[in-house]
C-alpha atoms as a PDB file:
ATOM      1  CA  VAL A   1       0.000   0.000   0.000  1.00  0.00           C
ATOM      2  CA  HIS A   2       2.745   2.494   0.903  1.00  0.00           C
ATOM      3  CA  GLY A   3       4.550   1.556  -2.371  1.00  0.00           C
ATOM      4  CA  ASP A   4       1.818   3.369  -4.303  1.00  0.00           C
ATOM      5  CA  ILE A   5       2.690   6.625  -2.579  1.00  0.00           C
ATOM      6  CA  PHE A   6       6.260   6.621  -3.868  1.00  0.00           C
ATOM      7  CA  GLN A   7       5.809   4.847  -7.198  1.00  0.00           C
ATOM      8  CA  ARG A   8       2.868   6.305  -9.048  1.00  0.00           C
ATOM      9  CA  LYS A   9       2.516   5.391 -12.666  1.00  0.00           C
ATOM     10  CA  GLN A  10       1.905   8.141 -15.142  1.00  0.00           C
ATOM     11  CA  MET A  11      -1.102   7.952 -17.372  1.00  0.00           C
ATOM     12  CA  GLY A  12      -0.362   6.817 -20.895  1.00  0.00           C
ATOM     13  CA  LYS A  13      -0.702   9.195 -23.812  1.00  0.00           C
ATOM     14  CA  ARG A  14      -4.038   8.680 -25.444  1.00  0.00           C
ATOM     15  CA  THR A  15      -3.253  10.182 -28.838  1.00  0.00           C
ATOM     16  CA  HIS A  16       0.308   9.292 -29.772  1.00  0.00           C
ATOM     17  CA  LYS A  17      -0.076   9.245 -33.585  1.00  0.00           C
ATOM     18  CA  VAL A  18      -3.138  11.345 -34.222  1.00  0.00           C
ATOM     19  CA  GLY A  19      -2.327  14.185 -31.833  1.00  0.00           C
ATOM     20  CA  ILE A  20      -4.863  16.992 -31.876  1.00  0.00           C
ATOM     21  CA  CYS A  21      -7.188  15.023 -34.182  1.00  0.00           C
ATOM     22  CA  GLY A  22      -7.865  12.369 -31.557  1.00  0.00           C
ATOM     23  CA  LYS A  23     -11.137  14.174 -30.918  1.00  0.00           C
ATOM     24  CA  PHE A  24     -12.444  12.884 -34.268  1.00  0.00           C
ATOM     25  CA  GLY A  25     -11.912   9.218 -33.423  1.00  0.00           C
ATOM     26  CA  THR A  26     -12.232   7.016 -36.505  1.00  0.00           C
ATOM     27  CA  ARG A  27     -14.523   9.412 -38.341  1.00  0.00           C
ATOM     28  CA  TYR A  28     -13.822  11.288 -41.623  1.00  0.00           C
ATOM     29  CA  GLY A  29     -10.970   9.110 -42.944  1.00  0.00           C
ATOM     30  CA  ALA A  30      -7.233   9.085 -42.241  1.00  0.00           C
ATOM     31  CA  SER A  31      -6.108  11.447 -45.015  1.00  0.00           C
ATOM     32  CA  LEU A  32      -8.614  14.159 -44.044  1.00  0.00           C
ATOM     33  CA  ARG A  33      -7.613  13.858 -40.395  1.00  0.00           C
ATOM     34  CA  LYS A  34      -3.939  14.276 -41.369  1.00  0.00           C
ATOM     35  CA  MET A  35      -4.763  17.448 -43.298  1.00  0.00           C
ATOM     36  CA  ILE A  36      -6.752  18.840 -40.381  1.00  0.00           C
ATOM     37  CA  LYS A  37      -3.919  17.935 -38.010  1.00  0.00           C
ATOM     38  CA  LYS A  38      -1.458  19.995 -40.082  1.00  0.00           C
ATOM     39  CA  PHE A  39      -3.794  23.008 -40.119  1.00  0.00           C
ATOM     40  CA  GLU A  40      -4.684  22.849 -36.438  1.00  0.00           C
ATOM     41  CA  GLU A  41      -1.090  22.402 -35.273  1.00  0.00           C
ATOM     42  CA  SER A  42       0.015  25.443 -37.293  1.00  0.00           C
ATOM     43  CA  GLN A  43      -3.023  27.367 -36.050  1.00  0.00           C
ATOM     44  CA  HIS A  44      -2.246  26.716 -32.364  1.00  0.00           C
ATOM     45  CA  ALA A  45       1.525  27.158 -32.652  1.00  0.00           C
ATOM     46  CA  ARG A  46       3.407  30.220 -31.415  1.00  0.00           C
ATOM     47  CA  TYR A  47       5.334  32.306 -33.914  1.00  0.00           C
ATOM     48  CA  THR A  48       8.227  34.743 -33.604  1.00  0.00           C
ATOM     49  CA  CYS A  49       7.238  38.405 -33.602  1.00  0.00           C
ATOM     50  CA  PRO A  50       8.941  40.482 -36.324  1.00  0.00           C
ATOM     51  CA  PHE A  51       8.737  43.580 -34.102  1.00  0.00           C
ATOM     52  CA  CYS A  52      10.016  42.446 -30.694  1.00  0.00           C
ATOM     53  CA  GLY A  53      11.636  39.086 -31.554  1.00  0.00           C
ATOM     54  CA  LYS A  54       9.788  37.067 -28.908  1.00  0.00           C
ATOM     55  CA  THR A  55       8.078  33.778 -29.675  1.00  0.00           C
ATOM     56  CA  ALA A  56       4.758  35.121 -28.464  1.00  0.00           C
ATOM     57  CA  ILE A  57       2.430  35.495 -31.455  1.00  0.00           C
ATOM     58  CA  LYS A  58      -0.799  33.533 -31.213  1.00  0.00           C
ATOM     59  CA  ARG A  59      -3.888  33.473 -33.404  1.00  0.00           C
ATOM     60  CA  GLN A  60      -6.817  35.580 -32.180  1.00  0.00           C
ATOM     61  CA  ALA A  61      -9.282  34.976 -35.010  1.00  0.00           C
ATOM     62  CA  VAL A  62      -9.143  34.077 -38.696  1.00  0.00           C
ATOM     63  CA  GLY A  63      -6.267  36.105 -40.141  1.00  0.00           C
ATOM     64  CA  ILE A  64      -5.659  38.124 -36.949  1.00  0.00           C
ATOM     65  CA  TRP A  65      -2.531  37.404 -34.921  1.00  0.00           C
ATOM     66  CA  LYS A  66      -1.487  39.093 -31.682  1.00  0.00           C
ATOM     67  CA  CYS A  67       1.922  39.317 -30.039  1.00  0.00           C
ATOM     68  CA  ARG A  68       1.706  38.929 -26.287  1.00  0.00           C
ATOM     69  CA  GLY A  69       5.124  40.533 -25.869  1.00  0.00           C
ATOM     70  CA  CYS A  70       4.522  43.890 -27.524  1.00  0.00           C
ATOM     71  CA  ASN A  71       0.680  43.725 -27.915  1.00  0.00           C
ATOM     72  CA  LYS A  72       0.799  44.346 -31.673  1.00  0.00           C
ATOM     73  CA  LEU A  73      -1.922  43.010 -33.942  1.00  0.00           C
ATOM     74  CA  ILE A  74      -0.746  41.521 -37.231  1.00  0.00           C
ATOM     75  CA  ALA A  75      -2.805  40.574 -40.265  1.00  0.00           C
ATOM     76  CA  GLY A  76      -1.706  37.201 -41.590  1.00  0.00           C
ATOM     77  CA  GLY A  77      -2.987  33.975 -43.024  1.00  0.00           C
ATOM     78  CA  ALA A  78      -5.959  32.052 -41.725  1.00  0.00           C
ATOM     79  CA  TRP A  79      -3.929  29.117 -40.398  1.00  0.00           C
ATOM     80  CA  GLU A  80      -0.329  30.425 -40.396  1.00  0.00           C
ATOM     81  CA  LEU A  81       1.181  33.814 -39.631  1.00  0.00           C
ATOM     82  CA  THR A  82       2.678  34.179 -43.107  1.00  0.00           C
ATOM     83  CA  THR A  83       1.474  32.330 -46.172  1.00  0.00           C
ATOM     84  CA  ALA A  84       3.535  31.208 -49.152  1.00  0.00           C
ATOM     85  CA  PRO A  85       2.027  33.792 -51.563  1.00  0.00           C
ATOM     86  CA  ALA A  86       2.682  36.578 -49.047  1.00  0.00           C
ATOM     87  CA  LEU A  87       6.330  35.505 -48.744  1.00  0.00           C
ATOM     88  CA  ALA A  88       6.634  35.490 -52.544  1.00  0.00           C
ATOM     89  CA  VAL A  89       5.207  39.006 -52.724  1.00  0.00           C
ATOM     90  CA  LYS A  90       7.514  40.218 -49.973  1.00  0.00           C
ATOM     91  CA  ALA A  91      10.540  38.803 -51.807  1.00  0.00           C
ATOM     92  CA  THR A  92       9.392  40.419 -55.070  1.00  0.00           C
ATOM     93  CA  VAL A  93       8.921  43.821 -53.432  1.00  0.00           C
ATOM     94  CA  HIS A  94      12.350  43.540 -51.809  1.00  0.00           C
ATOM     95  CA  ARG A  95      13.916  42.633 -55.156  1.00  0.00           C
ATOM     96  CA  LEU A  96      12.171  45.514 -56.936  1.00  0.00           C
ATOM     97  CA  LYS A  97      13.322  47.959 -54.264  1.00  0.00           C
ATOM     98  CA  LYS A  98      16.889  46.728 -54.618  1.00  0.00           C
ATOM     99  CA  VAL A  99      16.751  47.059 -58.422  1.00  0.00           C
ATOM    100  CA  LYS A 100      15.238  50.543 -58.175  1.00  0.00           C
ATOM    101  CA  LEU A 101      17.883  51.734 -55.705  1.00  0.00           C
ATOM    102  CA  GLY A 102      20.718  50.137 -57.661  1.00  0.00           C
ATOM    103  CA  ALA A 103      19.669  51.663 -61.000  1.00  0.00           C
ATOM    104  CA  SER A 104      19.204  55.195 -59.688  1.00  0.00           C
ATOM    105  CA  LYS A 105      22.216  57.466 -59.323  1.00  0.00           C
ATOM    106  CA  SER A 106      20.868  60.642 -57.743  1.00  0.00           C
ATOM    107  CA  LYS A 107      19.952  61.078 -54.091  1.00  0.00           C
ATOM    108  CA  GLU A 108      16.365  62.118 -54.925  1.00  0.00           C
ATOM    109  CA  ASP A 109      15.778  58.897 -56.871  1.00  0.00           C
ATOM    110  CA  LYS A 110      17.131  56.795 -54.017  1.00  0.00           C
ATOM    111  CA  GLU A 111      14.718  58.427 -51.593  1.00  0.00           C
ATOM    112  CA  GLN A 112      11.788  57.630 -53.875  1.00  0.00           C
ATOM    113  CA  CYS A 113      10.973  54.010 -53.090  1.00  0.00           C
ATOM    114  CA  LEU A 114       8.216  51.469 -53.643  1.00  0.00           C
ATOM    115  CA  SER A 115       5.753  50.656 -50.926  1.00  0.00           C
ATOM    116  CA  LEU A 116       3.327  47.777 -50.703  1.00  0.00           C
ATOM    117  CA  ILE A 117      -0.322  48.837 -50.633  1.00  0.00           C
ATOM    118  CA  HIS A 118      -2.368  45.658 -50.778  1.00  0.00           C
ATOM    119  CA  ILE A 119      -1.997  41.874 -51.084  1.00  0.00           C
ATOM    120  CA  SER A 120      -4.973  39.751 -52.010  1.00  0.00           C
ATOM    121  CA  GLU A 121      -4.540  36.168 -50.894  1.00  0.00           C
ATOM    122  CA  PRO A 122      -5.954  33.332 -52.967  1.00  0.00           C
ATOM    123  CA  THR A 123      -8.881  31.481 -51.463  1.00  0.00           C
ATOM    124  CA  ARG A 124      -7.971  28.123 -53.021  1.00  0.00           C
ATOM    125  CA  PRO A 125      -5.162  26.085 -51.443  1.00  0.00           C
ATOM    126  CA  GLU A 126      -3.843  24.909 -54.824  1.00  0.00           C
ATOM    127  CA  ARG A 127      -0.312  24.755 -56.180  1.00  0.00           C
ATOM    128  CA  ASN A 128      -0.951  27.104 -59.076  1.00  0.00           C
ATOM    129  CA  SER A 129      -2.760  29.736 -57.016  1.00  0.00           C
ATOM    130  CA  TYR A 130      -1.670  33.346 -57.240  1.00  0.00           C
ATOM    131  CA  ALA A 131      -1.537  36.494 -55.185  1.00  0.00           C
ATOM    132  CA  VAL A 132      -2.231  39.970 -56.525  1.00  0.00           C
ATOM    133  CA  PHE A 133      -0.288  42.858 -55.031  1.00  0.00           C
ATOM    134  CA  CYS A 134      -0.280  46.601 -55.624  1.00  0.00           C
ATOM    135  CA  LEU A 135       2.783  48.843 -55.405  1.00  0.00           C
ATOM    136  CA  LYS A 136       3.000  52.603 -55.352  1.00  0.00           C
ATOM    137  CA  LYS A 137       5.846  55.069 -55.396  1.00  0.00           C
ATOM    138  CA  LYS A 138       6.435  56.920 -52.141  1.00  0.00           C
END
């Protein structure tokens, strides 16, 4: 009897393979549960804040992310903080800025830069989806 006080067994993990999708049991099929698992794990994960550098960004609602370190609200993807099309647009804008600054010689031209106005995210999660972005000169 007194052995139970010192040697308590831990409860076993109930959802070793399925993780967060254990709530669905055997319903909906294995491949759909795997897809949902990927989305829900990325949705509940914490991300690094680009402003303060802390790993404190959590999802508030669809597309709204909040840093608990610096209390900034960030617009992002529905399931992840940054989506693949948004990263592609960011890289394109950075490349265009670099080309613009490299081609210009005068100081006035270097001060005139491109700024990102709007990114429209695709609603379909397909490989050949696209993002539309608008640039304007400052």
